[in-house]
Every structure is written in C-alpha cells, then in structure tokens.
Amino acid sequence: MSQDPSTGFTPAEVVFFNGKIATQDDKRSFADSLAVANGRVIAAGSRDAVMRHVNDATRHVDLKAARSFRVSTIRICTSFAAV
C-alpha cells in the first residue's frame, strides 16, 4: 500500500487502539495503539500518532483496555480477520 499524497501517511487497513501492546523492541516498550497494512505493522505508539494512518476504509478494533498483546498476536488476528 502506498502513501496517501494528501496526508503523507500510508493508510492502515486496521487499527488497534485502547490497549497495552508489547512492541517487542530492544527497549521492551509498550504502545497504546497499532496500525496494520498488508499484514505489516506500519505504526505503533500513541492513539493520536496511529490515527494519522486512518482513512474511510480502515477498520477500528477497540482492545477495551486489555492488559497486554504482542505484536505477533495482532498480526495473527489480522490474518484471520481478512478471511
């Protein structure tokens, strides 16, 4: 998926928000939200930062303050959701 010329951001197919997502980076940090396009994470961080990747076709998944998800778990969920 390519960048939207009007915003400069890659549009997400799905965003997950309102959760605690383990990014599995070297710092073992957590993100509130995550954007996914073409089965790949394109943004992770605050809800405001991730929502920049939203367009009219983006699906929104509220994690309802769930305690913790791994990025790999989110990828599996998006694969099943596409079926």
PDB file of N, CA and C in Angstrom:
ATOM      1  N   MET A   1       0.849  -1.164   0.000  1.00  0.00           N
ATOM      2  CA  MET A   1       0.000   0.000   0.000  1.00  0.00           C
ATOM      3  C   MET A   1       0.896   1.229   0.000  1.00  0.00           C
ATOM      4  N   SER A   2       0.589   2.195  -0.813  1.00  0.00           N
ATOM      5  CA  SER A   2       1.429   3.375  -0.927  1.00  0.00           C
ATOM      6  C   SER A   2       0.894   4.517  -0.072  1.00  0.00           C
ATOM      7  N   GLN A   3       1.723   5.532   0.054  1.00  0.00           N
ATOM      8  CA  GLN A   3       1.338   6.695   0.851  1.00  0.00           C
ATOM      9  C   GLN A   3       0.226   7.480   0.185  1.00  0.00           C
ATOM     10  N   ASP A   4      -0.620   8.035   1.014  1.00  0.00           N
ATOM     11  CA  ASP A   4      -1.667   8.943   0.557  1.00  0.00           C
ATOM     12  C   ASP A   4      -1.003  10.297   0.315  1.00  0.00           C
ATOM     13  N   PRO A   5      -1.035  10.815  -0.927  1.00  0.00           N
ATOM     14  CA  PRO A   5      -0.343  12.069  -1.201  1.00  0.00           C
ATOM     15  C   PRO A   5      -0.884  13.265  -0.410  1.00  0.00           C
ATOM     16  N   SER A   6      -2.145  13.211  -0.009  1.00  0.00           N
ATOM     17  CA  SER A   6      -2.719  14.344   0.725  1.00  0.00           C
ATOM     18  C   SER A   6      -2.246  14.399   2.178  1.00  0.00           C
ATOM     19  N   THR A   7      -1.923  13.226   2.758  1.00  0.00           N
ATOM     20  CA  THR A   7      -1.506  13.197   4.165  1.00  0.00           C
ATOM     21  C   THR A   7      -0.038  12.839   4.338  1.00  0.00           C
ATOM     22  N   GLY A   8       0.548  12.134   3.372  1.00  0.00           N
ATOM     23  CA  GLY A   8       1.926  11.678   3.500  1.00  0.00           C
ATOM     24  C   GLY A   8       2.072  10.414   4.321  1.00  0.00           C
ATOM     25  N   PHE A   9       0.959   9.814   4.726  1.00  0.00           N
ATOM     26  CA  PHE A   9       0.981   8.593   5.532  1.00  0.00           C
ATOM     27  C   PHE A   9       0.431   7.422   4.738  1.00  0.00           C
ATOM     28  N   THR A  10       0.916   6.228   5.046  1.00  0.00           N
ATOM     29  CA  THR A  10       0.358   5.011   4.471  1.00  0.00           C
ATOM     30  C   THR A  10      -0.948   4.712   5.166  1.00  0.00           C
ATOM     31  N   PRO A  11      -2.052   4.525   4.418  1.00  0.00           N
ATOM     32  CA  PRO A  11      -3.324   4.221   5.072  1.00  0.00           C
ATOM     33  C   PRO A  11      -3.322   2.812   5.669  1.00  0.00           C
ATOM     34  N   ALA A  12      -3.881   2.694   6.860  1.00  0.00           N
ATOM     35  CA  ALA A  12      -3.966   1.406   7.546  1.00  0.00           C
ATOM     36  C   ALA A  12      -5.219   0.661   7.107  1.00  0.00           C
ATOM     37  N   GLU A  13      -5.108  -0.657   7.032  1.00  0.00           N
ATOM     38  CA  GLU A  13      -6.282  -1.496   6.800  1.00  0.00           C
ATOM     39  C   GLU A  13      -7.050  -1.679   8.096  1.00  0.00           C
ATOM     40  N   VAL A  14      -6.301  -1.755   9.199  1.00  0.00           N
ATOM     41  CA  VAL A  14      -6.921  -1.927  10.513  1.00  0.00           C
ATOM     42  C   VAL A  14      -6.063  -1.224  11.557  1.00  0.00           C
ATOM     43  N   VAL A  15      -6.713  -0.619  12.544  1.00  0.00           N
ATOM     44  CA  VAL A  15      -6.007  -0.053  13.687  1.00  0.00           C
ATOM     45  C   VAL A  15      -6.554  -0.689  14.962  1.00  0.00           C
ATOM     46  N   PHE A  16      -5.642  -0.988  15.865  1.00  0.00           N
ATOM     47  CA  PHE A  16      -5.978  -1.496  17.184  1.00  0.00           C
ATOM     48  C   PHE A  16      -5.656  -0.376  18.161  1.00  0.00           C
ATOM     49  N   PHE A  17      -6.568  -0.069  19.068  1.00  0.00           N
ATOM     50  CA  PHE A  17      -6.346   1.040  19.991  1.00  0.00           C
ATOM     51  C   PHE A  17      -6.924   0.717  21.355  1.00  0.00           C
ATOM     52  N   ASN A  18      -6.535   1.543  22.344  1.00  0.00           N
ATOM     53  CA  ASN A  18      -7.036   1.409  23.706  1.00  0.00           C
ATOM     54  C   ASN A  18      -6.576   0.098  24.339  1.00  0.00           C
ATOM     55  N   GLY A  19      -5.291  -0.212  24.158  1.00  0.00           N
ATOM     56  CA  GLY A  19      -4.756  -1.434  24.737  1.00  0.00           C
ATOM     57  C   GLY A  19      -3.344  -1.234  25.239  1.00  0.00           C
ATOM     58  N   LYS A  20      -2.731  -2.315  25.626  1.00  0.00           N
ATOM     59  CA  LYS A  20      -1.324  -2.315  26.020  1.00  0.00           C
ATOM     60  C   LYS A  20      -0.655  -3.360  25.136  1.00  0.00           C
ATOM     61  N   ILE A  21       0.078  -2.880  24.133  1.00  0.00           N
ATOM     62  CA  ILE A  21       0.647  -3.746  23.104  1.00  0.00           C
ATOM     63  C   ILE A  21       2.161  -3.793  23.275  1.00  0.00           C
ATOM     64  N   ALA A  22       2.694  -4.999  23.507  1.00  0.00           N
ATOM     65  CA  ALA A  22       4.147  -5.185  23.635  1.00  0.00           C
ATOM     66  C   ALA A  22       4.763  -5.110  22.247  1.00  0.00           C
ATOM     67  N   THR A  23       5.599  -4.097  22.030  1.00  0.00           N
ATOM     68  CA  THR A  23       6.169  -3.896  20.697  1.00  0.00           C
ATOM     69  C   THR A  23       7.317  -4.848  20.406  1.00  0.00           C
ATOM     70  N   GLN A  24       7.870  -5.464  21.421  1.00  0.00           N
ATOM     71  CA  GLN A  24       8.966  -6.422  21.297  1.00  0.00           C
ATOM     72  C   GLN A  24      10.222  -5.789  20.713  1.00  0.00           C
ATOM     73  N   ASP A  25      10.404  -4.494  20.961  1.00  0.00           N
ATOM     74  CA  ASP A  25      11.634  -3.846  20.529  1.00  0.00           C
ATOM     75  C   ASP A  25      12.714  -4.047  21.595  1.00  0.00           C
ATOM     76  N   ASP A  26      13.897  -3.496  21.346  1.00  0.00           N
ATOM     77  CA  ASP A  26      15.012  -3.671  22.281  1.00  0.00           C
ATOM     78  C   ASP A  26      14.743  -3.072  23.659  1.00  0.00           C
ATOM     79  N   LYS A  27      13.892  -2.059  23.719  1.00  0.00           N
ATOM     80  CA  LYS A  27      13.576  -1.398  24.986  1.00  0.00           C
ATOM     81  C   LYS A  27      12.425  -2.072  25.729  1.00  0.00           C
ATOM     82  N   ARG A  28      11.817  -3.081  25.094  1.00  0.00           N
ATOM     83  CA  ARG A  28      10.650  -3.770  25.659  1.00  0.00           C
ATOM     84  C   ARG A  28       9.541  -2.781  26.002  1.00  0.00           C
ATOM     85  N   SER A  29       9.286  -1.879  25.077  1.00  0.00           N
ATOM     86  CA  SER A  29       8.283  -0.838  25.300  1.00  0.00           C
ATOM     87  C   SER A  29       6.879  -1.313  24.927  1.00  0.00           C
ATOM     88  N   PHE A  30       5.912  -0.511  25.324  1.00  0.00           N
ATOM     89  CA  PHE A  30       4.516  -0.792  25.041  1.00  0.00           C
ATOM     90  C   PHE A  30       3.917   0.367  24.252  1.00  0.00           C
ATOM     91  N   ALA A  31       2.925   0.060  23.439  1.00  0.00           N
ATOM     92  CA  ALA A  31       2.203   1.070  22.659  1.00  0.00           C
ATOM     93  C   ALA A  31       0.733   1.006  23.035  1.00  0.00           C
ATOM     94  N   ASP A  32       0.060   2.138  22.938  1.00  0.00           N
ATOM     95  CA  ASP A  32      -1.387   2.195  23.172  1.00  0.00           C
ATOM     96  C   ASP A  32      -2.160   1.717  21.957  1.00  0.00           C
ATOM     97  N   SER A  33      -1.567   1.946  20.770  1.00  0.00           N
ATOM     98  CA  SER A  33      -2.271   1.688  19.514  1.00  0.00           C
ATOM     99  C   SER A  33      -1.301   1.156  18.466  1.00  0.00           C
ATOM    100  N   LEU A  34      -1.889   0.539  17.430  1.00  0.00           N
ATOM    101  CA  LEU A  34      -1.111  -0.097  16.373  1.00  0.00           C
ATOM    102  C   LEU A  34      -1.876   0.009  15.069  1.00  0.00           C
ATOM    103  N   ALA A  35      -1.173   0.320  13.979  1.00  0.00           N
ATOM    104  CA  ALA A  35      -1.785   0.363  12.643  1.00  0.00           C
ATOM    105  C   ALA A  35      -1.146  -0.717  11.785  1.00  0.00           C
ATOM    106  N   VAL A  36      -1.978  -1.419  10.999  1.00  0.00           N
ATOM    107  CA  VAL A  36      -1.507  -2.520  10.163  1.00  0.00           C
ATOM    108  C   VAL A  36      -1.976  -2.313   8.726  1.00  0.00           C
ATOM    109  N   ALA A  37      -1.068  -2.552   7.770  1.00  0.00           N
ATOM    110  CA  ALA A  37      -1.401  -2.527   6.339  1.00  0.00           C
ATOM    111  C   ALA A  37      -0.617  -3.644   5.668  1.00  0.00           C
ATOM    112  N   ASN A  38      -1.269  -4.386   4.795  1.00  0.00           N
ATOM    113  CA  ASN A  38      -0.635  -5.502   4.085  1.00  0.00           C
ATOM    114  C   ASN A  38       0.041  -6.489   5.027  1.00  0.00           C
ATOM    115  N   GLY A  39      -0.576  -6.731   6.190  1.00  0.00           N
ATOM    116  CA  GLY A  39      -0.042  -7.701   7.139  1.00  0.00           C
ATOM    117  C   GLY A  39       1.181  -7.234   7.895  1.00  0.00           C
ATOM    118  N   ARG A  40       1.526  -5.959   7.775  1.00  0.00           N
ATOM    119  CA  ARG A  40       2.711  -5.418   8.445  1.00  0.00           C
ATOM    120  C   ARG A  40       2.324  -4.249   9.339  1.00  0.00           C
ATOM    121  N   VAL A  41       3.015  -4.133  10.444  1.00  0.00           N
ATOM    122  CA  VAL A  41       2.809  -3.001  11.334  1.00  0.00           C
ATOM    123  C   VAL A  41       3.420  -1.772  10.666  1.00  0.00           C
ATOM    124  N   ILE A  42       2.611  -0.738  10.486  1.00  0.00           N
ATOM    125  CA  ILE A  42       3.118   0.493   9.878  1.00  0.00           C
ATOM    126  C   ILE A  42       3.259   1.623  10.879  1.00  0.00           C
ATOM    127  N   ALA A  43       2.641   1.483  12.046  1.00  0.00           N
ATOM    128  CA  ALA A  43       2.777   2.491  13.097  1.00  0.00           C
ATOM    129  C   ALA A  43       2.410   1.879  14.431  1.00  0.00           C
ATOM    130  N   ALA A  44       3.136   2.282  15.458  1.00  0.00           N
ATOM    131  CA  ALA A  44       2.840   1.872  16.828  1.00  0.00           C
ATOM    132  C   ALA A  44       3.155   3.044  17.734  1.00  0.00           C
ATOM    133  N   GLY A  45       2.333   3.231  18.732  1.00  0.00           N
ATOM    134  CA  GLY A  45       2.567   4.331  19.665  1.00  0.00           C
ATOM    135  C   GLY A  45       1.280   4.839  20.253  1.00  0.00           C
ATOM    136  N   SER A  46       1.202   6.153  20.381  1.00  0.00           N
ATOM    137  CA  SER A  46       0.008   6.760  20.950  1.00  0.00           C
ATOM    138  C   SER A  46      -1.153   6.664  19.958  1.00  0.00           C
ATOM    139  N   ARG A  47      -2.350   6.786  20.494  1.00  0.00           N
ATOM    140  CA  ARG A  47      -3.534   6.734  19.626  1.00  0.00           C
ATOM    141  C   ARG A  47      -3.495   7.857  18.592  1.00  0.00           C
ATOM    142  N   ASP A  48      -3.110   9.051  19.006  1.00  0.00           N
ATOM    143  CA  ASP A  48      -3.048  10.180  18.073  1.00  0.00           C
ATOM    144  C   ASP A  48      -2.082   9.911  16.924  1.00  0.00           C
ATOM    145  N   ALA A  49      -0.919   9.360  17.226  1.00  0.00           N
ATOM    146  CA  ALA A  49       0.080   9.081  16.193  1.00  0.00           C
ATOM    147  C   ALA A  49      -0.411   8.021  15.214  1.00  0.00           C
ATOM    148  N   VAL A  50      -1.053   6.992  15.732  1.00  0.00           N
ATOM    149  CA  VAL A  50      -1.527   5.894  14.883  1.00  0.00           C
ATOM    150  C   VAL A  50      -2.729   6.312  14.044  1.00  0.00           C
ATOM    151  N   MET A  51      -3.596   7.126  14.590  1.00  0.00           N
ATOM    152  CA  MET A  51      -4.808   7.532  13.873  1.00  0.00           C
ATOM    153  C   MET A  51      -4.511   8.398  12.645  1.00  0.00           C
ATOM    154  N   ARG A  52      -3.296   8.854  12.497  1.00  0.00           N
ATOM    155  CA  ARG A  52      -2.908   9.579  11.277  1.00  0.00           C
ATOM    156  C   ARG A  52      -2.967   8.681  10.047  1.00  0.00           C
ATOM    157  N   HIS A  53      -2.941   7.384  10.271  1.00  0.00           N
ATOM    158  CA  HIS A  53      -2.947   6.406   9.182  1.00  0.00           C
ATOM    159  C   HIS A  53      -4.355   5.929   8.810  1.00  0.00           C
ATOM    160  N   VAL A  54      -5.370   6.485   9.432  1.00  0.00           N
ATOM    161  CA  VAL A  54      -6.756   6.060   9.217  1.00  0.00           C
ATOM    162  C   VAL A  54      -7.359   6.778   8.010  1.00  0.00           C
ATOM    163  N   ASN A  55      -8.129   6.015   7.222  1.00  0.00           N
ATOM    164  CA  ASN A  55      -8.960   6.621   6.182  1.00  0.00           C
ATOM    165  C   ASN A  55     -10.352   6.001   6.284  1.00  0.00           C
ATOM    166  N   ASP A  56     -11.211   6.282   5.323  1.00  0.00           N
ATOM    167  CA  ASP A  56     -12.596   5.801   5.394  1.00  0.00           C
ATOM    168  C   ASP A  56     -12.718   4.278   5.356  1.00  0.00           C
ATOM    169  N   ALA A  57     -11.727   3.596   4.790  1.00  0.00           N
ATOM    170  CA  ALA A  57     -11.793   2.139   4.665  1.00  0.00           C
ATOM    171  C   ALA A  57     -11.149   1.405   5.848  1.00  0.00           C
ATOM    172  N   THR A  58     -10.520   2.119   6.745  1.00  0.00           N
ATOM    173  CA  THR A  58      -9.809   1.494   7.868  1.00  0.00           C
ATOM    174  C   THR A  58     -10.785   0.923   8.890  1.00  0.00           C
ATOM    175  N   ARG A  59     -10.542  -0.334   9.294  1.00  0.00           N
ATOM    176  CA  ARG A  59     -11.330  -0.948  10.370  1.00  0.00           C
ATOM    177  C   ARG A  59     -10.716  -0.552  11.705  1.00  0.00           C
ATOM    178  N   HIS A  60     -11.551  -0.336  12.686  1.00  0.00           N
ATOM    179  CA  HIS A  60     -11.118   0.044  14.035  1.00  0.00           C
ATOM    180  C   HIS A  60     -11.429  -1.086  15.006  1.00  0.00           C
ATOM    181  N   VAL A  61     -10.430  -1.490  15.786  1.00  0.00           N
ATOM    182  CA  VAL A  61     -10.618  -2.534  16.794  1.00  0.00           C
ATOM    183  C   VAL A  61     -10.260  -1.955  18.155  1.00  0.00           C
ATOM    184  N   ASP A  62     -11.259  -1.808  19.003  1.00  0.00           N
ATOM    185  CA  ASP A  62     -11.050  -1.320  20.367  1.00  0.00           C
ATOM    186  C   ASP A  62     -10.651  -2.500  21.242  1.00  0.00           C
ATOM    187  N   LEU A  63      -9.449  -2.449  21.786  1.00  0.00           N
ATOM    188  CA  LEU A  63      -8.964  -3.532  22.641  1.00  0.00           C
ATOM    189  C   LEU A  63      -9.527  -3.442  24.057  1.00  0.00           C
ATOM    190  N   LYS A  64     -10.306  -2.420  24.317  1.00  0.00           N
ATOM    191  CA  LYS A  64     -11.037  -2.251  25.579  1.00  0.00           C
ATOM    192  C   LYS A  64     -10.131  -2.375  26.794  1.00  0.00           C
ATOM    193  N   ALA A  65      -9.002  -1.669  26.714  1.00  0.00           N
ATOM    194  CA  ALA A  65      -8.033  -1.599  27.817  1.00  0.00           C
ATOM    195  C   ALA A  65      -7.497  -2.969  28.218  1.00  0.00           C
ATOM    196  N   ALA A  66      -7.416  -3.873  27.247  1.00  0.00           N
ATOM    197  CA  ALA A  66      -6.851  -5.197  27.525  1.00  0.00           C
ATOM    198  C   ALA A  66      -5.419  -5.030  28.029  1.00  0.00           C
ATOM    199  N   ARG A  67      -5.022  -5.917  28.881  1.00  0.00           N
ATOM    200  CA  ARG A  67      -3.738  -5.751  29.556  1.00  0.00           C
ATOM    201  C   ARG A  67      -2.539  -5.812  28.636  1.00  0.00           C
ATOM    202  N   SER A  68      -2.414  -6.832  27.819  1.00  0.00           N
ATOM    203  CA  SER A  68      -1.205  -6.926  27.006  1.00  0.00           C
ATOM    204  C   SER A  68      -1.412  -7.841  25.808  1.00  0.00           C
ATOM    205  N   PHE A  69      -0.955  -7.372  24.674  1.00  0.00           N
ATOM    206  CA  PHE A  69      -0.911  -8.156  23.448  1.00  0.00           C
ATOM    207  C   PHE A  69       0.484  -8.042  22.875  1.00  0.00           C
ATOM    208  N   ARG A  70       0.948  -9.082  22.222  1.00  0.00           N
ATOM    209  CA  ARG A  70       2.203  -8.995  21.478  1.00  0.00           C
ATOM    210  C   ARG A  70       1.884  -8.581  20.056  1.00  0.00           C
ATOM    211  N   VAL A  71       2.821  -7.926  19.412  1.00  0.00           N
ATOM    212  CA  VAL A  71       2.641  -7.547  18.014  1.00  0.00           C
ATOM    213  C   VAL A  71       2.374  -8.787  17.176  1.00  0.00           C
ATOM    214  N   SER A  72       3.047  -9.904  17.457  1.00  0.00           N
ATOM    215  CA  SER A  72       2.830 -11.132  16.680  1.00  0.00           C
ATOM    216  C   SER A  72       1.395 -11.633  16.831  1.00  0.00           C
ATOM    217  N   THR A  73       0.792 -11.468  17.994  1.00  0.00           N
ATOM    218  CA  THR A  73      -0.606 -11.856  18.196  1.00  0.00           C
ATOM    219  C   THR A  73      -1.522 -10.992  17.352  1.00  0.00           C
ATOM    220  N   ILE A  74      -1.245  -9.711  17.278  1.00  0.00           N
ATOM    221  CA  ILE A  74      -2.039  -8.796  16.461  1.00  0.00           C
ATOM    222  C   ILE A  74      -1.953  -9.198  15.001  1.00  0.00           C
ATOM    223  N   ARG A  75      -0.778  -9.572  14.524  1.00  0.00           N
ATOM    224  CA  ARG A  75      -0.622  -9.990  13.121  1.00  0.00           C
ATOM    225  C   ARG A  75      -1.469 -11.222  12.823  1.00  0.00           C
ATOM    226  N   ILE A  76      -1.487 -12.175  13.736  1.00  0.00           N
ATOM    227  CA  ILE A  76      -2.309 -13.370  13.551  1.00  0.00           C
ATOM    228  C   ILE A  76      -3.780 -12.986  13.498  1.00  0.00           C
ATOM    229  N   CYS A  77      -4.204 -12.089  14.374  1.00  0.00           N
ATOM    230  CA  CYS A  77      -5.614 -11.650  14.390  1.00  0.00           C
ATOM    231  C   CYS A  77      -5.987 -10.989  13.073  1.00  0.00           C
ATOM    232  N   THR A  78      -5.110 -10.195  12.507  1.00  0.00           N
ATOM    233  CA  THR A  78      -5.442  -9.521  11.251  1.00  0.00           C
ATOM    234  C   THR A  78      -5.502 -10.523  10.113  1.00  0.00           C
ATOM    235  N   SER A  79      -4.690 -11.572  10.180  1.00  0.00           N
ATOM    236  CA  SER A  79      -4.739 -12.601   9.131  1.00  0.00           C
ATOM    237  C   SER A  79      -6.076 -13.323   9.139  1.00  0.00           C
ATOM    238  N   PHE A  80      -6.576 -13.670  10.313  1.00  0.00           N
ATOM    239  CA  PHE A  80      -7.874 -14.340  10.400  1.00  0.00           C
ATOM    240  C   PHE A  80      -9.025 -13.411  10.054  1.00  0.00           C
ATOM    241  N   ALA A  81      -8.886 -12.146  10.404  1.00  0.00           N
ATOM    242  CA  ALA A  81      -9.954 -11.180  10.120  1.00  0.00           C
ATOM    243  C   ALA A  81     -10.127 -10.962   8.620  1.00  0.00           C
ATOM    244  N   ALA A  82      -9.067 -11.177   7.857  1.00  0.00           N
ATOM    245  CA  ALA A  82      -9.130 -10.967   6.412  1.00  0.00           C
ATOM    246  C   ALA A  82      -9.806 -12.121   5.695  1.00  0.00           C
ATOM    247  N   VAL A  83      -9.939 -13.256   6.356  1.00  0.00           N
ATOM    248  CA  VAL A  83     -10.544 -14.448   5.725  1.00  0.00           C
ATOM    249  C   VAL A  83     -12.052 -14.334   5.663  1.00  0.00           C
TER     250      VAL A  83
END
